[in-house]
C-alpha atoms as a PDB file:
ATOM      1  CA  MET A   1     -33.652  29.935 -42.738  1.00  0.00           C
ATOM      2  CA  ARG A   2     -34.019  26.049 -41.778  1.00  0.00           C
ATOM      3  CA  ILE A   3     -30.459  25.685 -43.311  1.00  0.00           C
ATOM      4  CA  ALA A   4     -29.268  27.835 -40.672  1.00  0.00           C
ATOM      5  CA  LEU A   5     -31.019  26.668 -37.727  1.00  0.00           C
ATOM      6  CA  ALA A   6     -29.320  23.577 -38.869  1.00  0.00           C
ATOM      7  CA  CYS A   7     -25.853  24.707 -38.967  1.00  0.00           C
ATOM      8  CA  LEU A   8     -26.626  26.367 -35.227  1.00  0.00           C
ATOM      9  CA  ALA A   9     -27.494  22.674 -34.145  1.00  0.00           C
ATOM     10  CA  LEU A  10     -24.313  21.725 -35.462  1.00  0.00           C
ATOM     11  CA  LEU A  11     -22.229  24.046 -33.973  1.00  0.00           C
ATOM     12  CA  PHE A  12     -23.828  23.105 -30.188  1.00  0.00           C
ATOM     13  CA  ALA A  13     -23.720  19.892 -30.954  1.00  0.00           C
ATOM     14  CA  ALA A  14     -19.906  19.493 -31.763  1.00  0.00           C
ATOM     15  CA  PRO A  15     -18.297  20.603 -28.705  1.00  0.00           C
ATOM     16  CA  ALA A  16     -20.639  17.420 -26.533  1.00  0.00           C
ATOM     17  CA  ALA A  17     -18.998  15.262 -29.421  1.00  0.00           C
ATOM     18  CA  VAL A  18     -16.123  16.243 -28.703  1.00  0.00           C
ATOM     19  CA  ALA A  19     -16.212  16.587 -25.449  1.00  0.00           C
ATOM     20  CA  GLN A  20     -17.150  12.648 -24.664  1.00  0.00           C
ATOM     21  CA  THR A  21     -14.831  11.478 -26.530  1.00  0.00           C
ATOM     22  CA  PRO A  22     -11.708  11.493 -23.688  1.00  0.00           C
ATOM     23  CA  ALA A  23     -14.110  10.083 -21.370  1.00  0.00           C
ATOM     24  CA  ALA A  24     -14.735   6.994 -23.225  1.00  0.00           C
ATOM     25  CA  THR A  25     -10.822   6.686 -23.822  1.00  0.00           C
ATOM     26  CA  GLU A  26      -9.840   7.459 -20.273  1.00  0.00           C
ATOM     27  CA  MET A  27     -10.928   4.637 -18.584  1.00  0.00           C
ATOM     28  CA  PRO A  28      -9.109   4.209 -14.853  1.00  0.00           C
ATOM     29  CA  GLN A  29      -7.473   1.116 -14.564  1.00  0.00           C
ATOM     30  CA  PRO A  30      -7.165  -1.535 -11.317  1.00  0.00           C
ATOM     31  CA  ALA A  31      -4.118  -0.823  -9.006  1.00  0.00           C
ATOM     32  CA  MET A  32      -3.899  -4.144  -8.768  1.00  0.00           C
ATOM     33  CA  VAL A  33      -4.457  -7.617 -10.912  1.00  0.00           C
ATOM     34  CA  TYR A  34      -4.928 -10.408  -9.446  1.00  0.00           C
ATOM     35  CA  SER A  35      -4.763 -13.509 -12.058  1.00  0.00           C
ATOM     36  CA  ASP A  36      -3.540 -17.202 -12.324  1.00  0.00           C
ATOM     37  CA  GLN A  37       0.118 -15.905 -12.402  1.00  0.00           C
ATOM     38  CA  SER A  38      -0.138 -14.203  -8.914  1.00  0.00           C
ATOM     39  CA  PRO A  39       2.059 -15.393  -6.435  1.00  0.00           C
ATOM     40  CA  ALA A  40       0.816 -17.834  -3.924  1.00  0.00           C
ATOM     41  CA  TYR A  41      -0.012 -16.391  -0.342  1.00  0.00           C
ATOM     42  CA  ARG A  42       2.850 -17.150   1.895  1.00  0.00           C
ATOM     43  CA  PHE A  43       2.153 -18.102   5.822  1.00  0.00           C
ATOM     44  CA  PHE A  44       2.853 -15.268   8.098  1.00  0.00           C
ATOM     45  CA  PRO A  45       3.278 -15.933  12.383  1.00  0.00           C
ATOM     46  CA  GLY A  46      -0.697 -15.016  13.806  1.00  0.00           C
ATOM     47  CA  ASP A  47      -2.286 -16.960  10.567  1.00  0.00           C
ATOM     48  CA  GLU A  48      -4.980 -19.786  11.719  1.00  0.00           C
ATOM     49  CA  VAL A  49      -4.245 -22.815   9.622  1.00  0.00           C
ATOM     50  CA  GLU A  50      -6.296 -26.178   9.864  1.00  0.00           C
ATOM     51  CA  VAL A  51      -4.475 -29.309   9.357  1.00  0.00           C
ATOM     52  CA  THR A  52      -6.465 -32.358   8.107  1.00  0.00           C
ATOM     53  CA  ILE A  53      -4.972 -35.689   8.784  1.00  0.00           C
ATOM     54  CA  PHE A  54      -7.488 -37.985   6.534  1.00  0.00           C
ATOM     55  CA  SER A  55      -5.596 -41.516   7.980  1.00  0.00           C
ATOM     56  CA  ALA A  56      -5.669 -40.254  11.212  1.00  0.00           C
ATOM     57  CA  PRO A  57      -8.283 -38.560  11.906  1.00  0.00           C
ATOM     58  CA  GLU A  58      -7.750 -37.885  16.192  1.00  0.00           C
ATOM     59  CA  LEU A  59      -4.307 -35.557  14.723  1.00  0.00           C
ATOM     60  CA  SER A  60      -6.545 -33.344  12.916  1.00  0.00           C
ATOM     61  CA  ARG A  61      -6.822 -29.447  14.172  1.00  0.00           C
ATOM     62  CA  SER A  62      -6.532 -26.155  14.144  1.00  0.00           C
ATOM     63  CA  ALA A  63      -3.524 -24.493  14.985  1.00  0.00           C
ATOM     64  CA  THR A  64      -1.682 -20.478  14.690  1.00  0.00           C
ATOM     65  CA  ILE A  65       1.151 -19.612  13.659  1.00  0.00           C
ATOM     66  CA  GLY A  66       3.718 -18.532  16.083  1.00  0.00           C
ATOM     67  CA  PRO A  67       5.812 -15.665  16.639  1.00  0.00           C
ATOM     68  CA  ASP A  68       8.634 -17.999  15.465  1.00  0.00           C
ATOM     69  CA  GLY A  69       7.131 -18.800  12.747  1.00  0.00           C
ATOM     70  CA  ARG A  70       6.527 -22.419  13.516  1.00  0.00           C
ATOM     71  CA  LEU A  71       3.477 -24.610  13.727  1.00  0.00           C
ATOM     72  CA  ALA A  72       2.424 -27.081  16.838  1.00  0.00           C
ATOM     73  CA  LEU A  73       0.935 -30.363  16.030  1.00  0.00           C
ATOM     74  CA  PRO A  74       0.805 -33.298  17.610  1.00  0.00           C
ATOM     75  CA  LEU A  75       3.064 -36.196  17.372  1.00  0.00           C
ATOM     76  CA  ILE A  76       5.803 -34.700  14.926  1.00  0.00           C
ATOM     77  CA  GLY A  77       6.432 -31.494  17.059  1.00  0.00           C
ATOM     78  CA  ALA A  78       6.744 -27.413  15.786  1.00  0.00           C
ATOM     79  CA  VAL A  79       7.513 -27.401  11.958  1.00  0.00           C
ATOM     80  CA  ARG A  80       8.351 -23.823  10.448  1.00  0.00           C
ATOM     81  CA  ALA A  81       5.120 -22.656   8.886  1.00  0.00           C
ATOM     82  CA  ALA A  82       5.967 -19.239   8.321  1.00  0.00           C
ATOM     83  CA  ASP A  83       6.956 -17.791   4.845  1.00  0.00           C
ATOM     84  CA  LEU A  84       5.658 -20.890   3.204  1.00  0.00           C
ATOM     85  CA  THR A  85       2.897 -21.757   0.435  1.00  0.00           C
ATOM     86  CA  ALA A  86      -0.326 -23.994   1.791  1.00  0.00           C
ATOM     87  CA  GLU A  87       1.455 -26.621  -1.099  1.00  0.00           C
ATOM     88  CA  GLU A  88       4.782 -26.586   0.513  1.00  0.00           C
ATOM     89  CA  LEU A  89       4.000 -26.226   4.001  1.00  0.00           C
ATOM     90  CA  ARG A  90       1.842 -29.717   3.203  1.00  0.00           C
ATOM     91  CA  ASP A  91       5.100 -31.330   1.275  1.00  0.00           C
ATOM     92  CA  ILE A  92       6.879 -30.494   4.940  1.00  0.00           C
ATOM     93  CA  LEU A  93       3.926 -32.429   6.851  1.00  0.00           C
ATOM     94  CA  VAL A  94       4.240 -35.462   4.653  1.00  0.00           C
ATOM     95  CA  SER A  95       7.771 -35.729   5.179  1.00  0.00           C
ATOM     96  CA  ALA A  96       7.136 -35.212   9.017  1.00  0.00           C
ATOM     97  CA  TYR A  97       4.574 -37.855   9.574  1.00  0.00           C
ATOM     98  CA  SER A  98       5.816 -40.471   7.127  1.00  0.00           C
ATOM     99  CA  VAL A  99       7.838 -41.164   9.960  1.00  0.00           C
ATOM    100  CA  HIS A 100       4.720 -42.155  12.340  1.00  0.00           C
ATOM    101  CA  LEU A 101       1.990 -43.170   9.864  1.00  0.00           C
ATOM    102  CA  ARG A 102       2.545 -45.275   6.659  1.00  0.00           C
ATOM    103  CA  MET A 103       0.117 -43.228   4.450  1.00  0.00           C
ATOM    104  CA  PRO A 104      -0.437 -39.434   5.546  1.00  0.00           C
ATOM    105  CA  GLU A 105      -2.455 -37.747   3.860  1.00  0.00           C
ATOM    106  CA  PRO A 106      -2.406 -34.131   5.377  1.00  0.00           C
ATOM    107  CA  THR A 107      -4.088 -31.048   3.726  1.00  0.00           C
ATOM    108  CA  VAL A 108      -3.233 -27.769   4.825  1.00  0.00           C
ATOM    109  CA  THR A 109      -6.235 -24.893   4.902  1.00  0.00           C
ATOM    110  CA  PRO A 110      -5.728 -21.238   5.439  1.00  0.00           C
ATOM    111  CA  ARG A 111      -8.701 -19.995   8.406  1.00  0.00           C
ATOM    112  CA  THR A 112      -7.655 -16.712   9.274  1.00  0.00           C
ATOM    113  CA  TYR A 113      -4.908 -13.827   8.650  1.00  0.00           C
ATOM    114  CA  ALA A 114      -3.264 -12.487  10.700  1.00  0.00           C
ATOM    115  CA  SER A 115      -3.036  -8.265  10.940  1.00  0.00           C
ATOM    116  CA  ARG A 116      -1.648  -7.129   7.793  1.00  0.00           C
ATOM    117  CA  GLN A 117      -0.618  -3.421   8.896  1.00  0.00           C
ATOM    118  CA  VAL A 118       1.330  -0.295   7.055  1.00  0.00           C
ATOM    119  CA  PHE A 119       2.910   2.428   8.734  1.00  0.00           C
ATOM    120  CA  VAL A 120       2.205   6.080   7.221  1.00  0.00           C
ATOM    121  CA  GLY A 121       4.201   8.802   8.262  1.00  0.00           C
ATOM    122  CA  GLY A 122       5.589  12.186   7.207  1.00  0.00           C
ATOM    123  CA  GLU A 123       3.446  14.728   5.072  1.00  0.00           C
ATOM    124  CA  VAL A 124      -0.017  13.175   5.381  1.00  0.00           C
ATOM    125  CA  ALA A 125      -3.301  14.183   7.408  1.00  0.00           C
ATOM    126  CA  ARG A 126      -3.007  11.482   9.405  1.00  0.00           C
ATOM    127  CA  PRO A 127       0.017   9.151   9.925  1.00  0.00           C
ATOM    128  CA  GLY A 128      -0.249   6.299  11.457  1.00  0.00           C
ATOM    129  CA  ILE A 129      -1.047   2.630  11.106  1.00  0.00           C
ATOM    130  CA  TYR A 130      -3.068   1.357   8.945  1.00  0.00           C
ATOM    131  CA  GLU A 131      -4.738  -2.059   8.471  1.00  0.00           C
ATOM    132  CA  MET A 132      -4.476  -3.028   4.390  1.00  0.00           C
ATOM    133  CA  PRO A 133      -8.162  -4.196   3.596  1.00  0.00           C
ATOM    134  CA  ALA A 134      -6.141  -5.763   0.368  1.00  0.00           C
ATOM    135  CA  ASN A 135      -3.519  -5.371  -1.213  1.00  0.00           C
ATOM    136  CA  ILE A 136      -2.500  -2.132  -2.253  1.00  0.00           C
ATOM    137  CA  ASP A 137       0.360   0.194  -3.286  1.00  0.00           C
ATOM    138  CA  ALA A 138       1.968   3.089  -1.602  1.00  0.00           C
ATOM    139  CA  PHE A 139      -0.513   6.062  -3.240  1.00  0.00           C
ATOM    140  CA  GLN A 140      -3.212   4.164  -1.983  1.00  0.00           C
ATOM    141  CA  ALA A 141      -1.972   3.834   1.419  1.00  0.00           C
ATOM    142  CA  VAL A 142      -1.382   7.632   1.698  1.00  0.00           C
ATOM    143  CA  ALA A 143      -5.165   8.201   0.700  1.00  0.00           C
ATOM    144  CA  LEU A 144      -5.771   5.799   3.631  1.00  0.00           C
ATOM    145  CA  ALA A 145      -3.989   8.120   6.370  1.00  0.00           C
ATOM    146  CA  GLY A 146      -6.003  11.602   4.659  1.00  0.00           C
ATOM    147  CA  GLY A 147      -3.915  12.156   1.510  1.00  0.00           C
ATOM    148  CA  PHE A 148      -0.739  14.538   1.308  1.00  0.00           C
ATOM    149  CA  LEU A 149      -0.561  17.968   3.120  1.00  0.00           C
ATOM    150  CA  PRO A 150      -0.110  21.012   0.911  1.00  0.00           C
ATOM    151  CA  SER A 151       3.741  20.854   2.621  1.00  0.00           C
ATOM    152  CA  ALA A 152       4.094  17.287   0.850  1.00  0.00           C
ATOM    153  CA  HIS A 153       7.141  16.375  -1.499  1.00  0.00           C
ATOM    154  CA  ARG A 154       4.592  14.307  -3.596  1.00  0.00           C
ATOM    155  CA  SER A 155       7.272  13.422  -6.409  1.00  0.00           C
ATOM    156  CA  ASP A 156       9.464  11.833  -3.644  1.00  0.00           C
ATOM    157  CA  VAL A 157       7.898   9.468  -1.584  1.00  0.00           C
ATOM    158  CA  LEU A 158       9.943   6.741  -0.239  1.00  0.00           C
ATOM    159  CA  VAL A 159       8.742   2.704   1.073  1.00  0.00           C
ATOM    160  CA  LEU A 160      10.836   1.274   3.271  1.00  0.00           C
ATOM    161  CA  SER A 161       9.894  -2.790   2.832  1.00  0.00           C
ATOM    162  CA  ARG A 162      11.251  -5.573   4.700  1.00  0.00           C
ATOM    163  CA  ALA A 163      11.181  -8.526   2.896  1.00  0.00           C
ATOM    164  CA  SER A 164      13.594 -11.596   3.554  1.00  0.00           C
ATOM    165  CA  GLY A 165      15.438 -10.368   6.153  1.00  0.00           C
ATOM    166  CA  SER A 166      17.021  -7.227   4.554  1.00  0.00           C
ATOM    167  CA  THR A 167      15.601  -3.813   4.275  1.00  0.00           C
ATOM    168  CA  SER A 168      15.760  -2.414   0.825  1.00  0.00           C
ATOM    169  CA  VAL A 169      14.237   1.621   0.033  1.00  0.00           C
ATOM    170  CA  LEU A 170      11.934   2.414  -2.479  1.00  0.00           C
ATOM    171  CA  ARG A 171      11.789   5.491  -4.077  1.00  0.00           C
ATOM    172  CA  SER A 172       8.054   5.676  -5.788  1.00  0.00           C
ATOM    173  CA  ILE A 173       6.846   8.928  -7.910  1.00  0.00           C
ATOM    174  CA  PHE A 174       3.920  10.016  -8.003  1.00  0.00           C
ATOM    175  CA  ARG A 175       3.002  12.051 -11.292  1.00  0.00           C
ATOM    176  CA  CYS A 176      -0.956  13.757 -11.606  1.00  0.00           C
ATOM    177  CA  ALA A 177      -1.280  12.337 -14.820  1.00  0.00           C
ATOM    178  CA  ARG A 178      -0.565   8.841 -13.565  1.00  0.00           C
ATOM    179  CA  SER A 179      -2.736   9.377 -10.735  1.00  0.00           C
ATOM    180  CA  ARG A 180      -5.967  10.247 -12.211  1.00  0.00           C
ATOM    181  CA  ASN A 181      -5.433   6.636 -14.537  1.00  0.00           C
ATOM    182  CA  GLY A 182      -4.644   5.103 -11.368  1.00  0.00           C
ATOM    183  CA  LEU A 183      -0.812   3.169 -10.832  1.00  0.00           C
ATOM    184  CA  PRO A 184      -1.434  -0.292 -12.905  1.00  0.00           C
ATOM    185  CA  ASN A 185       2.262  -0.933 -12.549  1.00  0.00           C
ATOM    186  CA  ALA A 186       2.715  -0.084  -8.630  1.00  0.00           C
ATOM    187  CA  GLN A 187       4.546  -2.716  -6.839  1.00  0.00           C
ATOM    188  CA  ALA A 188       1.901  -3.941  -3.339  1.00  0.00           C
ATOM    189  CA  LEU A 189       2.856  -3.298  -0.046  1.00  0.00           C
ATOM    190  CA  GLN A 190       4.223  -5.715   2.483  1.00  0.00           C
ATOM    191  CA  ARG A 191       3.606  -6.494   6.180  1.00  0.00           C
ATOM    192  CA  TYR A 192       4.761  -3.443   8.081  1.00  0.00           C
ATOM    193  CA  ASP A 193       6.317  -1.598   4.868  1.00  0.00           C
ATOM    194  CA  VAL A 194       6.475   2.075   6.026  1.00  0.00           C
ATOM    195  CA  VAL A 195       5.813   4.939   3.557  1.00  0.00           C
ATOM    196  CA  TYR A 196       6.846   8.224   4.289  1.00  0.00           C
ATOM    197  CA  VAL A 197       5.888  11.283   2.746  1.00  0.00           C
ATOM    198  CA  PRO A 198       8.800  14.126   3.194  1.00  0.00           C
ATOM    199  CA  ARG A 199       8.561  17.718   3.453  1.00  0.00           C
ATOM    200  CA  SER A 200       9.000  19.958   0.304  1.00  0.00           C
ATOM    201  CA  ARG A 201      12.162  22.107   0.026  1.00  0.00           C
ATOM    202  CA  ILE A 202      10.022  25.156  -0.073  1.00  0.00           C
ATOM    203  CA  SER A 203       8.374  24.128   3.217  1.00  0.00           C
ATOM    204  CA  GLN A 204      11.982  23.138   4.801  1.00  0.00           C
ATOM    205  CA  VAL A 205      13.035  26.898   4.134  1.00  0.00           C
ATOM    206  CA  ASN A 206       9.401  28.044   5.616  1.00  0.00           C
ATOM    207  CA  LEU A 207      10.145  25.900   8.317  1.00  0.00           C
ATOM    208  CA  PHE A 208      14.272  26.969   9.071  1.00  0.00           C
ATOM    209  CA  MET A 209      12.834  30.612   8.736  1.00  0.00           C
ATOM    210  CA  GLN A 210       9.883  29.974  11.380  1.00  0.00           C
ATOM    211  CA  GLN A 211      12.278  28.480  14.236  1.00  0.00           C
ATOM    212  CA  TYR A 212      15.481  29.971  13.747  1.00  0.00           C
ATOM    213  CA  VAL A 213      14.928  33.166  12.590  1.00  0.00           C
ATOM    214  CA  ARG A 214      11.818  34.118  13.303  1.00  0.00           C
ATOM    215  CA  ASP A 215      10.714  32.911  16.473  1.00  0.00           C
ATOM    216  CA  ALA A 216      14.397  33.170  17.700  1.00  0.00           C
ATOM    217  CA  LEU A 217      14.922  36.774  17.226  1.00  0.00           C
ATOM    218  CA  PRO A 218      12.968  39.467  19.190  1.00  0.00           C
ATOM    219  CA  VAL A 219      12.737  41.329  15.619  1.00  0.00           C
ATOM    220  CA  GLN A 220       9.676  41.523  13.891  1.00  0.00           C
ATOM    221  CA  PHE A 221      10.481  41.315   9.769  1.00  0.00           C
ATOM    222  CA  SER A 222       8.566  42.999   8.030  1.00  0.00           C
ATOM    223  CA  PHE A 223       7.822  45.896   5.330  1.00  0.00           C
ATOM    224  CA  TYR A 224       4.776  47.573   3.483  1.00  0.00           C
ATOM    225  CA  TYR A 225       5.202  49.919   1.039  1.00  0.00           C
ATOM    226  CA  ASP A 226       3.297  53.500   0.972  1.00  0.00           C
ATOM    227  CA  LEU A 227       1.161  54.758  -2.080  1.00  0.00           C
ATOM    228  CA  ARG A 228       4.464  57.133  -3.141  1.00  0.00           C
ATOM    229  CA  GLY A 229       6.310  54.039  -3.918  1.00  0.00           C
ATOM    230  CA  ASN A 230       8.813  54.422  -0.767  1.00  0.00           C
ATOM    231  CA  ARG A 231       9.247  51.012   0.821  1.00  0.00           C
ATOM    232  CA  ASN A 232       9.398  51.351   4.464  1.00  0.00           C
ATOM    233  CA  ASN A 233      11.049  48.272   7.073  1.00  0.00           C
END
């Protein structure tokens, strides 16, 4: 009797042990990884920058990068700051102030950052403009917009990105297995990128039938079967 009870206990305990193994191995991975090798932030119009000149404190001030990408500073005028890192901007200020000061020692410190918006459109629940809380990928941008609609073509999402003055179109493929484990190799979106979710083919066919066949013709397309198996239109 004791042996039978022990066998029953092992029989019911085995599935639980097996079920816990995949949960331990399938750990979600972060979508974006930050490390010392991550590229430095580059300034953008609207960012506020604090420039400190230790050898001439009266020239120190906080200024906002204008829409033209330039930073207006006393004594040297406007200098380009957009698309530069803090170190690159500091080197430019050293060169510019060296004409007027013997030993300029400027430091550049970001104070506030301009809006980081992306556009999400197409077959999503809430198309619109969204503020990026951090570095996010296209899948996370779709999540901000309420997720996919049933009519979405999930395996062919387009990302229109403007980088370095050019426009490139990237195709993102979303698989169910990859979405469950995160997208660790996904590319981060940039300011004003456009994420577009197209309509699936079956949805396009249904829309065509609705707009150009059913709504355009005053004929009711329907049929039914009677109990004897004869079809009636």
